Protein backbone atom coordinates (compact mmCIF):
# COMPACT_ATOMS: atom_id res chain seq x y z
CA MET A 1 -25.49 -25.07 -18.84
CA ILE A 2 -22.97 -25.29 -15.95
CA LEU A 3 -19.01 -24.37 -16.97
CA ASN A 4 -15.76 -24.44 -15.17
CA HIS A 5 -14.12 -21.54 -16.02
CA THR A 6 -10.61 -21.28 -16.38
CA ILE A 7 -7.83 -18.39 -16.68
CA MET A 8 -5.04 -18.13 -19.10
CA GLN A 9 -2.11 -15.77 -18.03
CA TYR A 10 -0.93 -14.71 -21.75
CA PHE A 11 2.33 -13.66 -21.25
CA GLU A 12 5.89 -14.22 -19.89
CA TRP A 13 8.51 -12.44 -18.42
CA HIS A 14 10.27 -12.71 -22.06
CA THR A 15 7.23 -12.57 -24.62
CA ASN A 16 8.66 -11.11 -27.78
CA GLY A 17 8.88 -7.24 -28.01
CA ASP A 18 8.15 -6.94 -31.32
CA GLY A 19 5.17 -5.07 -30.86
CA ASN A 20 2.50 -8.21 -32.19
CA HIS A 21 1.66 -9.36 -29.01
CA TRP A 22 -2.09 -7.61 -29.54
CA LYS A 23 -1.84 -9.59 -32.53
CA ARG A 24 -1.00 -13.08 -31.45
CA LEU A 25 -3.75 -13.19 -29.36
CA LYS A 26 -6.53 -11.65 -31.64
CA GLU A 27 -5.64 -14.73 -33.92
CA ASP A 28 -5.23 -17.08 -30.92
CA ALA A 29 -8.60 -16.10 -29.27
CA ALA A 30 -10.69 -18.97 -31.27
CA THR A 31 -8.25 -21.78 -30.82
CA LEU A 32 -8.19 -20.76 -26.81
CA LYS A 33 -11.86 -21.03 -26.65
CA GLU A 34 -11.54 -24.23 -28.13
CA ARG A 35 -9.22 -25.85 -25.91
CA GLY A 36 -11.45 -24.94 -22.93
CA ILE A 37 -9.88 -21.17 -21.55
CA ASP A 38 -12.66 -18.52 -20.73
CA ALA A 39 -10.69 -15.67 -19.76
CA VAL A 40 -7.17 -13.81 -20.74
CA TRP A 41 -4.83 -12.23 -17.99
CA ILE A 42 -2.90 -9.61 -20.23
CA PRO A 43 0.36 -7.96 -19.56
CA PRO A 44 0.04 -4.44 -18.35
CA VAL A 45 -0.73 -2.20 -21.32
CA THR A 46 0.03 1.19 -20.09
CA LYS A 47 3.68 2.74 -21.30
CA ALA A 48 6.47 1.60 -19.74
CA ASP A 49 9.91 3.51 -19.28
CA ASN A 50 10.71 1.81 -22.95
CA ASN A 51 9.34 -0.21 -25.41
CA GLN A 52 11.05 -3.30 -24.11
CA ASN A 53 9.53 -3.69 -20.41
CA PRO A 54 7.07 -6.08 -19.94
CA GLY A 55 5.52 -3.11 -18.29
CA TYR A 56 5.65 -3.23 -14.41
CA SER A 57 7.81 0.10 -14.44
CA VAL A 58 4.94 2.40 -15.64
CA TYR A 59 5.61 5.71 -16.99
CA ASP A 60 1.60 6.95 -17.77
CA HIS A 61 -1.10 5.05 -17.14
CA PHE A 62 -3.37 6.95 -20.05
CA ASP A 63 -0.95 5.85 -22.41
CA ILE A 64 -1.75 2.10 -24.01
CA GLY A 65 0.30 2.70 -26.90
CA GLU A 66 -1.32 5.74 -28.73
CA PHE A 67 1.47 8.41 -28.09
CA ASP A 68 5.13 9.23 -29.46
CA GLN A 69 7.05 8.55 -26.11
CA LYS A 70 9.25 6.69 -24.55
CA GLY A 71 10.75 6.00 -27.76
CA SER A 72 7.77 4.67 -29.73
CA VAL A 73 3.95 4.74 -30.00
CA ARG A 74 3.38 1.10 -29.31
CA THR A 75 4.15 -0.81 -26.01
CA LYS A 76 6.33 -3.94 -25.59
CA TYR A 77 2.86 -5.40 -26.64
CA GLY A 78 1.60 -3.34 -29.72
CA THR A 79 -0.62 -0.05 -30.26
CA LYS A 80 -4.06 1.02 -28.90
CA GLU A 81 -5.72 -0.35 -32.00
CA ASP A 82 -4.37 -3.69 -31.79
CA LEU A 83 -5.20 -4.10 -28.13
CA LYS A 84 -8.68 -3.08 -29.06
CA GLU A 85 -8.73 -5.63 -31.87
CA ALA A 86 -7.51 -8.15 -29.62
CA ILE A 87 -9.93 -7.59 -26.57
CA LYS A 88 -12.72 -7.64 -29.22
CA ALA A 89 -11.59 -11.00 -31.01
CA CYS A 90 -11.92 -12.39 -27.54
CA HIS A 91 -15.42 -11.08 -26.61
CA ASP A 92 -16.19 -12.35 -30.34
CA ASN A 93 -15.07 -15.44 -28.55
CA ASP A 94 -16.97 -15.35 -25.15
CA ILE A 95 -13.48 -14.76 -23.54
CA LYS A 96 -12.87 -12.19 -21.09
CA VAL A 97 -10.51 -10.00 -20.40
CA TYR A 98 -8.54 -8.88 -17.32
CA VAL A 99 -5.81 -6.49 -17.70
CA ASP A 100 -2.87 -6.25 -14.97
CA ILE A 101 -2.66 -3.19 -13.03
CA VAL A 102 0.29 -1.36 -11.74
CA MET A 103 -0.48 1.00 -8.83
CA ASN A 104 2.29 0.85 -6.89
CA HIS A 105 5.09 3.12 -8.33
CA LYS A 106 5.59 5.19 -11.74
CA ALA A 107 9.20 5.06 -13.63
CA GLY A 108 10.98 6.84 -16.34
CA ALA A 109 9.82 10.31 -15.10
CA ASP A 110 10.17 13.32 -17.62
CA GLU A 111 12.30 15.79 -15.04
CA THR A 112 13.96 15.42 -11.85
CA GLU A 113 13.27 18.15 -8.56
CA MET A 114 15.21 18.81 -5.15
CA PHE A 115 13.37 17.59 -2.35
CA GLN A 116 13.76 16.45 1.39
CA VAL A 117 14.28 13.07 2.66
CA VAL A 118 15.76 10.66 4.72
CA GLU A 119 17.63 7.22 4.40
CA VAL A 120 16.11 4.54 6.02
CA ASP A 121 17.35 0.66 6.62
CA GLY A 122 16.53 -1.43 3.31
CA GLU A 123 15.75 -4.30 5.46
CA ASN A 124 13.80 -1.85 8.25
CA ARG A 125 12.14 0.23 6.29
CA THR A 126 10.80 2.11 9.68
CA GLU A 127 14.49 2.57 10.66
CA VAL A 128 15.57 6.37 10.27
CA ILE A 129 19.12 5.93 9.16
CA SER A 130 20.56 9.71 8.36
CA GLU A 131 19.53 13.05 8.90
CA PRO A 132 17.25 14.75 6.77
CA PHE A 133 19.23 16.15 3.13
CA ASP A 134 18.23 17.10 0.00
CA ILE A 135 18.32 14.77 -2.99
CA GLU A 136 17.68 15.67 -7.04
CA GLY A 137 14.61 12.88 -7.32
CA PHE A 138 12.96 11.64 -10.65
CA THR A 139 10.14 12.51 -9.32
CA LYS A 140 8.37 14.91 -12.50
CA PHE A 141 5.78 13.30 -14.54
CA THR A 142 4.32 16.06 -17.16
CA PHE A 143 3.89 13.48 -20.30
CA PRO A 144 5.17 16.10 -23.25
CA GLY A 145 3.57 13.61 -26.10
CA ARG A 146 0.19 13.42 -24.93
CA GLN A 147 -0.10 16.88 -24.22
CA GLY A 148 -2.70 16.92 -21.47
CA LYS A 149 -5.06 13.90 -23.13
CA TYR A 150 -7.71 12.41 -21.25
CA SER A 151 -5.72 13.79 -17.60
CA ASP A 152 -3.88 16.92 -17.45
CA PHE A 153 -2.65 15.98 -14.01
CA ILE A 154 1.54 16.38 -13.24
CA TRP A 155 2.98 14.05 -11.10
CA ASN A 156 5.66 15.72 -8.78
CA TYR A 157 7.36 14.46 -5.34
CA THR A 158 4.51 15.38 -3.38
CA HIS A 159 2.54 12.55 -4.75
CA PHE A 160 4.88 10.00 -4.15
CA ASN A 161 6.47 9.10 -0.67
CA GLY A 162 9.89 7.12 -1.65
CA THR A 163 12.47 6.69 -3.95
CA ASP A 164 15.37 5.36 -4.26
CA TYR A 165 17.72 7.45 -6.37
CA ASP A 166 19.77 11.05 -5.99
CA HIS A 167 20.60 12.30 -9.78
CA ALA A 168 22.65 14.59 -7.99
CA THR A 169 25.12 12.47 -6.03
CA GLY A 170 24.51 9.02 -8.28
CA ASN A 171 23.55 7.34 -4.76
CA THR A 172 21.36 4.73 -4.36
CA GLY A 173 19.59 3.85 -1.32
CA VAL A 174 15.38 3.19 0.17
CA TYR A 175 14.46 7.12 0.79
CA ARG A 176 11.49 8.15 2.55
CA ILE A 177 10.46 11.94 1.33
CA LEU A 178 9.55 14.39 3.65
CA GLY A 179 6.65 17.01 3.76
CA GLU A 180 3.27 17.64 5.49
CA ASN A 181 1.36 14.35 5.91
CA LYS A 182 4.32 12.22 4.48
CA GLY A 183 4.90 8.86 5.22
CA TRP A 184 4.88 5.39 4.19
CA ASN A 185 1.60 4.19 3.83
CA GLU A 186 0.45 1.60 7.08
CA ASN A 187 -1.44 -0.85 5.81
CA VAL A 188 0.76 -2.31 3.72
CA ASP A 189 2.43 -5.48 4.33
CA ASP A 190 4.86 -5.86 7.53
CA GLU A 191 7.73 -7.68 5.90
CA LYS A 192 10.81 -4.98 6.16
CA GLY A 193 9.45 -3.31 8.86
CA ASN A 194 7.47 -1.67 6.44
CA PHE A 195 6.85 -3.20 3.04
CA ASP A 196 5.10 -0.12 1.37
CA TYR A 197 8.05 0.87 -0.82
CA LEU A 198 9.38 -1.62 -3.80
CA MET A 199 11.30 0.39 -6.18
CA PHE A 200 11.14 3.31 -8.05
CA SER A 201 9.07 6.09 -7.38
CA ASN A 202 6.88 4.65 -4.84
CA ILE A 203 2.97 6.11 -4.98
CA ASP A 204 1.62 7.65 -1.94
CA TYR A 205 -2.07 6.59 -1.44
CA LYS A 206 -2.56 9.03 1.43
CA HIS A 207 -2.58 11.91 -0.40
CA PRO A 208 -5.75 12.38 -1.64
CA ASP A 209 -5.37 13.87 -5.28
CA VAL A 210 -3.61 10.64 -6.21
CA ARG A 211 -6.46 8.40 -5.05
CA ASN A 212 -9.01 10.78 -7.16
CA GLU A 213 -6.22 10.40 -10.25
CA MET A 214 -6.24 6.60 -9.45
CA ILE A 215 -9.76 6.16 -9.15
CA SER A 216 -10.58 8.41 -12.58
CA TRP A 217 -8.03 6.10 -14.64
CA GLY A 218 -9.36 2.73 -13.58
CA LYS A 219 -13.01 3.90 -14.64
CA TRP A 220 -10.97 5.61 -17.80
CA LEU A 221 -9.58 2.48 -19.03
CA ILE A 222 -12.66 0.14 -18.72
CA ASP A 223 -14.92 2.51 -21.03
CA GLU A 224 -12.01 2.73 -22.96
CA LEU A 225 -11.03 -0.61 -23.66
CA GLY A 226 -14.42 -2.30 -22.25
CA ILE A 227 -12.42 -4.68 -20.58
CA ASP A 228 -13.62 -7.62 -18.05
CA GLY A 229 -11.43 -7.46 -15.02
CA MET A 230 -8.38 -6.46 -13.36
CA ARG A 231 -5.17 -8.49 -12.49
CA LEU A 232 -3.74 -5.78 -9.31
CA ASP A 233 -0.10 -6.34 -9.33
CA ALA A 234 2.11 -5.91 -5.76
CA ILE A 235 -0.65 -5.23 -3.35
CA LYS A 236 0.75 -5.99 -0.46
CA HIS A 237 2.59 -2.84 -1.43
CA ILE A 238 -0.37 -0.88 -1.75
CA GLU A 239 -2.62 0.74 1.77
CA SER A 240 -5.09 -2.23 2.13
CA TYR A 241 -8.04 0.57 2.43
CA PHE A 242 -7.08 2.24 -1.04
CA VAL A 243 -7.35 -1.24 -2.73
CA ARG A 244 -10.71 -1.64 -1.30
CA ASP A 245 -12.01 2.13 -2.19
CA PHE A 246 -10.41 1.25 -6.01
CA VAL A 247 -11.98 -1.93 -5.95
CA GLN A 248 -15.31 -0.45 -4.71
CA ALA A 249 -15.30 2.37 -7.41
CA MET A 250 -14.73 -0.06 -10.10
CA HIS A 251 -17.59 -2.28 -8.95
CA GLU A 252 -19.67 0.78 -8.57
CA HIS A 253 -19.12 2.16 -11.67
CA THR A 254 -19.84 -1.33 -13.30
CA ASP A 255 -22.64 -1.92 -11.78
CA ASN A 256 -20.50 -5.02 -10.02
CA ASN A 257 -20.08 -6.76 -12.97
CA PHE A 258 -16.55 -6.45 -12.59
CA TYR A 259 -14.07 -8.60 -12.06
CA PHE A 260 -10.86 -8.38 -9.44
CA VAL A 261 -7.95 -10.99 -8.33
CA GLY A 262 -4.59 -9.62 -6.32
CA GLU A 263 -1.41 -10.31 -6.16
CA PHE A 264 -0.82 -10.67 -2.71
CA TRP A 265 2.78 -12.66 -2.74
CA ARG A 266 3.22 -14.55 0.79
CA ALA A 267 2.48 -18.19 1.17
CA ASP A 268 1.57 -17.13 4.93
CA VAL A 269 -2.74 -18.11 4.71
CA GLN A 270 -3.40 -15.37 7.91
CA THR A 271 -2.01 -12.43 6.47
CA ASN A 272 -4.22 -13.08 3.20
CA GLU A 273 -7.32 -13.64 5.45
CA SER A 274 -6.20 -10.50 6.80
CA PHE A 275 -6.33 -8.70 3.84
CA LEU A 276 -8.98 -9.74 3.02
CA VAL A 277 -10.79 -8.76 5.63
CA ASP A 278 -9.59 -4.94 5.23
CA ALA A 279 -10.49 -5.20 1.70
CA ASP A 280 -14.09 -6.12 2.46
CA TYR A 281 -13.35 -9.72 0.86
CA SER A 282 -14.37 -7.14 -2.76
CA LEU A 283 -11.43 -9.28 -4.96
CA ASP A 284 -10.00 -12.99 -4.86
CA LEU A 285 -6.03 -13.23 -4.21
CA PHE A 286 -4.26 -15.63 -5.98
CA ASP A 287 -2.90 -19.02 -3.90
CA VAL A 288 0.79 -18.76 -3.79
CA ALA A 289 1.23 -20.89 -0.65
CA LEU A 290 -0.64 -23.93 -2.82
CA HIS A 291 2.24 -22.81 -5.43
CA TYR A 292 5.15 -22.97 -2.72
CA ASN A 293 3.47 -26.77 -2.11
CA LEU A 294 3.62 -27.77 -5.49
CA LYS A 295 7.19 -26.52 -5.75
CA GLU A 296 8.33 -28.07 -2.73
CA ALA A 297 6.64 -31.18 -3.44
CA SER A 298 8.06 -31.46 -7.35
CA GLU A 299 11.77 -30.74 -5.64
CA ALA A 300 11.12 -33.86 -2.88
CA GLY A 301 9.85 -36.48 -4.63
CA ALA A 302 8.51 -39.49 -2.97
CA ALA A 303 10.09 -38.14 0.30
CA TYR A 304 7.04 -35.46 0.06
CA ASP A 305 3.80 -36.11 1.61
CA LEU A 306 1.00 -35.68 -1.35
CA ARG A 307 -1.70 -36.19 1.82
CA THR A 308 -0.80 -32.74 2.67
CA ILE A 309 -0.85 -30.61 -0.53
CA PHE A 310 -3.38 -28.99 -0.43
CA ASP A 311 -2.95 -27.83 4.01
CA ASN A 312 -2.37 -24.31 4.53
CA THR A 313 -3.46 -22.85 1.33
CA LEU A 314 -6.37 -20.19 0.33
CA VAL A 315 -8.34 -22.44 -1.82
CA LYS A 316 -8.00 -24.85 1.16
CA GLU A 317 -8.99 -22.56 4.05
CA ASN A 318 -11.09 -20.05 1.90
CA PRO A 319 -11.52 -21.18 -1.57
CA LEU A 320 -14.62 -18.89 -2.77
CA ASN A 321 -11.66 -15.97 -3.19
CA ALA A 322 -8.95 -18.45 -4.39
CA VAL A 323 -6.98 -18.48 -8.05
CA THR A 324 -5.17 -21.16 -7.75
CA PHE A 325 -1.98 -21.21 -10.47
CA VAL A 326 1.38 -23.77 -10.86
CA ASP A 327 3.20 -20.92 -12.40
CA ASN A 328 4.01 -17.37 -13.46
CA HIS A 329 6.46 -14.45 -14.97
CA ASP A 330 7.67 -14.20 -11.33
CA SER A 331 8.37 -17.30 -10.26
CA GLN A 332 9.91 -18.50 -13.95
CA PRO A 333 13.76 -19.47 -13.93
CA GLY A 334 15.71 -16.58 -13.83
CA GLU A 335 12.56 -13.83 -12.26
CA ALA A 336 12.94 -11.95 -8.80
CA LEU A 337 10.62 -14.78 -7.33
CA GLU A 338 12.12 -17.86 -9.37
CA SER A 339 10.65 -20.79 -8.05
CA PHE A 340 9.10 -22.96 -10.40
CA VAL A 341 7.80 -26.59 -10.10
CA LYS A 342 9.95 -28.89 -12.04
CA ASP A 343 8.67 -30.29 -14.91
CA TRP A 344 8.31 -34.08 -13.52
CA PHE A 345 6.23 -32.96 -11.57
CA LYS A 346 4.10 -29.94 -14.14
CA GLN A 347 1.33 -31.91 -15.43
CA SER A 348 0.45 -33.63 -11.90
CA ALA A 349 0.28 -30.02 -10.71
CA TYR A 350 -1.89 -28.60 -13.28
CA ALA A 351 -3.99 -31.94 -12.72
CA LEU A 352 -4.47 -30.61 -8.82
CA ILE A 353 -5.78 -27.01 -9.91
CA LEU A 354 -7.34 -27.55 -13.03
CA LEU A 355 -9.37 -30.51 -12.06
CA ARG A 356 -10.82 -30.31 -8.40
CA TYR A 357 -13.90 -28.28 -7.20
CA ASP A 358 -12.42 -25.34 -6.25
CA GLY A 359 -10.35 -22.73 -6.71
CA PHE A 360 -10.41 -20.64 -10.46
CA PRO A 361 -7.18 -21.99 -12.07
CA VAL A 362 -4.83 -20.10 -14.61
CA VAL A 363 -2.94 -21.67 -17.06
CA PHE A 364 0.47 -19.65 -17.47
CA TYR A 365 1.77 -19.22 -20.78
CA GLY A 366 5.20 -19.68 -20.32
CA ASP A 367 4.20 -22.99 -19.47
CA TYR A 368 1.70 -23.81 -21.97
CA TYR A 369 3.83 -22.31 -25.31
CA GLY A 370 7.18 -22.22 -23.89
CA ILE A 371 10.10 -19.63 -22.28
CA SER A 372 12.38 -17.77 -24.03
CA GLY A 373 15.20 -15.74 -22.44
CA ASP A 374 18.48 -16.88 -21.48
CA GLN A 375 16.70 -19.94 -19.48
CA PRO A 376 14.12 -21.74 -22.05
CA VAL A 377 11.74 -24.18 -21.50
CA ASP A 378 10.01 -26.10 -23.55
CA SER A 379 6.20 -26.32 -24.16
CA LYS A 380 4.33 -28.05 -21.52
CA GLN A 381 0.74 -27.91 -23.67
CA MET A 382 0.76 -31.45 -24.65
CA ALA A 383 0.62 -32.52 -20.98
CA ILE A 384 -1.95 -29.77 -20.30
CA ASP A 385 -4.56 -30.15 -23.28
CA PRO A 386 -5.88 -33.01 -21.67
CA LEU A 387 -6.62 -31.52 -18.76
CA LEU A 388 -8.17 -28.40 -19.91
CA TYR A 389 -10.25 -31.10 -22.49
CA ILE A 390 -11.56 -32.78 -19.09
CA ARG A 391 -12.02 -29.95 -16.96
CA LYS A 392 -14.20 -28.68 -20.03
CA LYS A 393 -16.07 -32.18 -20.74
CA LYS A 394 -15.60 -34.05 -17.30
CA ALA A 395 -14.46 -32.75 -14.21
CA PHE A 396 -18.13 -31.88 -12.90
CA GLY A 397 -19.91 -33.27 -10.12
CA LEU A 398 -19.42 -33.89 -6.29
CA GLN A 399 -15.72 -34.55 -5.26
CA ASP A 400 -14.53 -37.66 -3.43
CA ASP A 401 -10.72 -37.18 -2.49
CA TYR A 402 -8.59 -40.45 -1.38
CA PHE A 403 -5.90 -38.51 0.07
CA ASP A 404 -4.91 -41.98 1.74
CA HIS A 405 -1.26 -42.80 1.28
CA GLU A 406 1.82 -40.19 1.14
CA ASN A 407 2.98 -41.00 -2.60
CA VAL A 408 -0.30 -41.86 -3.99
CA ILE A 409 -3.45 -39.66 -4.03
CA GLY A 410 -6.72 -39.52 -6.07
CA TRP A 411 -9.79 -38.24 -5.99
CA VAL A 412 -13.68 -39.01 -8.36
CA ARG A 413 -15.36 -36.18 -9.49
CA ARG A 414 -18.96 -37.86 -9.69
CA GLY A 415 -20.29 -36.15 -13.05
CA ALA A 416 -23.31 -33.93 -13.60
CA LYS A 417 -26.76 -35.07 -15.78
CA GLU A 418 -26.90 -32.33 -17.09
CA VAL A 419 -23.51 -32.72 -18.67
CA ASP A 420 -23.38 -36.43 -20.88
CA GLN A 421 -20.77 -38.44 -19.83
CA SER A 422 -19.00 -36.44 -17.42
CA GLY A 423 -16.99 -38.18 -14.09
CA CYS A 424 -13.76 -38.15 -13.87
CA ALA A 425 -11.11 -40.27 -11.45
CA VAL A 426 -7.80 -38.95 -11.17
CA ILE A 427 -4.60 -40.44 -9.45
CA ILE A 428 -0.88 -39.12 -8.50
CA ASN A 429 1.62 -40.79 -7.84
CA SER A 430 5.14 -39.51 -6.57
CA GLY A 431 6.71 -42.36 -6.07
CA THR A 432 9.48 -44.40 -8.17
CA GLU A 433 7.19 -47.61 -8.84
CA ASP A 434 3.69 -48.08 -10.63
CA ALA A 435 0.95 -48.06 -8.04
CA GLU A 436 -3.18 -48.26 -8.06
CA LYS A 437 -5.53 -46.94 -6.51
CA GLN A 438 -9.55 -48.68 -6.19
CA MET A 439 -11.83 -45.53 -6.20
CA PHE A 440 -15.93 -45.48 -6.17
CA VAL A 441 -17.41 -43.51 -9.42
CA GLY A 442 -21.21 -44.88 -8.82
CA LYS A 443 -22.94 -48.20 -8.64
CA GLU A 444 -24.68 -46.60 -11.87
CA ARG A 445 -21.57 -46.77 -13.46
CA GLN A 446 -21.50 -50.64 -13.47
CA GLY A 447 -19.93 -52.27 -17.04
CA GLN A 448 -18.78 -48.71 -18.21
CA VAL A 449 -15.25 -48.75 -19.28
CA TRP A 450 -13.27 -45.61 -18.33
CA ILE A 451 -9.72 -45.35 -20.32
CA ASP A 452 -6.67 -42.47 -19.53
CA TYR A 453 -7.36 -39.61 -21.11
CA THR A 454 -3.84 -38.52 -20.43
CA ASN A 455 -2.71 -41.42 -22.66
CA THR A 456 -0.32 -42.63 -20.43
CA ARG A 457 -1.95 -45.38 -19.45
CA ASP A 458 -3.42 -48.41 -22.44
CA GLU A 459 -5.59 -50.94 -20.12
CA GLU A 460 -9.40 -49.77 -19.92
CA VAL A 461 -10.81 -50.12 -16.66
CA ILE A 462 -14.61 -51.77 -16.38
CA ILE A 463 -16.62 -50.63 -13.17
CA ASP A 464 -17.65 -52.61 -11.60
CA GLU A 465 -21.19 -54.35 -9.84
CA GLU A 466 -20.42 -51.71 -6.72
CA GLY A 467 -19.36 -48.81 -8.71
CA ASN A 468 -15.89 -49.06 -8.27
CA GLY A 469 -13.05 -49.22 -10.46
CA VAL A 470 -9.20 -50.06 -9.77
CA PHE A 471 -6.87 -46.84 -11.36
CA LYS A 472 -3.61 -47.60 -11.96
CA VAL A 473 -0.54 -44.59 -12.70
CA ASN A 474 3.37 -44.95 -13.71
CA PRO A 475 6.00 -43.36 -11.38
CA GLY A 476 6.04 -39.95 -10.88
CA SER A 477 3.14 -39.83 -12.95
CA VAL A 478 -0.45 -38.49 -13.19
CA SER A 479 -3.75 -40.58 -14.86
CA VAL A 480 -6.94 -39.16 -15.79
CA TYR A 481 -9.38 -42.21 -16.55
CA CYS A 482 -13.34 -41.44 -18.16
CA GLN A 483 -15.80 -42.80 -19.12
CA LYS A 484 -14.98 -43.95 -22.89
CA GLU A 485 -16.56 -41.88 -25.42
CA ASP A 486 -19.07 -43.41 -27.68
């Protein structure tokens, strides 16, 4: 049996912090599977510096909602037991679980320490702008609530290479920690001269004890939760050779039966390719370049040449390692990397990732269920569900592209013999008037009746004796035609 696999990112930045998110996932699992979701990417499961933090300000990697630390036992999303029950429900419904992993920094230290630093230019971290001086930094992590269970490793300033706050003076800056073998990791993104440092206490992967601890933790997390994969956060800020070693260690621990996707937030495909080379192509990457193309198309409207939508994207240049997405928690309104695809183009954008041959697509929780917070966004479930159905039931077989007009593009999936009544014809229109396109779907389909499964167009298309159909689409819209089901 052939399948099209689809991920759902099961959270947005403002996901309800009532501690019941894992319970909601447990209840939702069967419905997600029915709609065509085969894997969920869940938010960080580790204890953050407070229980309303989305999880990226990691305090204790070994506390997944089990210990009374930072104000509660639970994380923002629930307790360890809630999490395990949610994972079991996903597995019971044949849904894989990928956990968001944050390994770049730690936050919310238990104690301060005195150590020596130099300040560097925030826009060029290779440029030192001070003489060495002492600061009081939040770098001592003792985890008193956990009391050494699972790991007795105590973090101190020697395990970090940078911080941004001097408690003694209240001053902030980018401070590089001094000491033996200290310095920024070199195999990181070269933005800002060297983009090893991002925030909080920056983990130093030159330190062998740190490398060993984090690899041990990764194995522990897999064993403790029985997860199926990991989404690695902010890897352009992490030593690429450590990412490679971490991934390889997890693969060996699971007999290579484990999935990885990394967030390398650069739209430059060559930079992504260089990272994949360093990591021995052992993981996939999110196609950030495609995301920005979708955003630009949504903003430019008819002025954007849709024939170029896949130009300079990872899914075009390296499809086997491309995870495609429309938006996520970072690109949503009000967040650090805000670059939200406009509503009118959202369904077309999802058609471009869900109904094509290449790429491993992700549906964003915020698009599917809506976004809360100060800049709320309505659910697009009614627009996405038909596309999920088509991906699950119809979008199989060879792909023929009709990228022959700057505002009207289309493609055909020929269908697979193993999947009854499969095949589809997709047409996207960014113009201001109705449009149509003749596309070939196969001579064997002569006389078949095809209809628009997005329910945007009402007419039926009769496939002619040559195997062609004339498929119509509304202005600023997408229509997806498939054989009318018996």
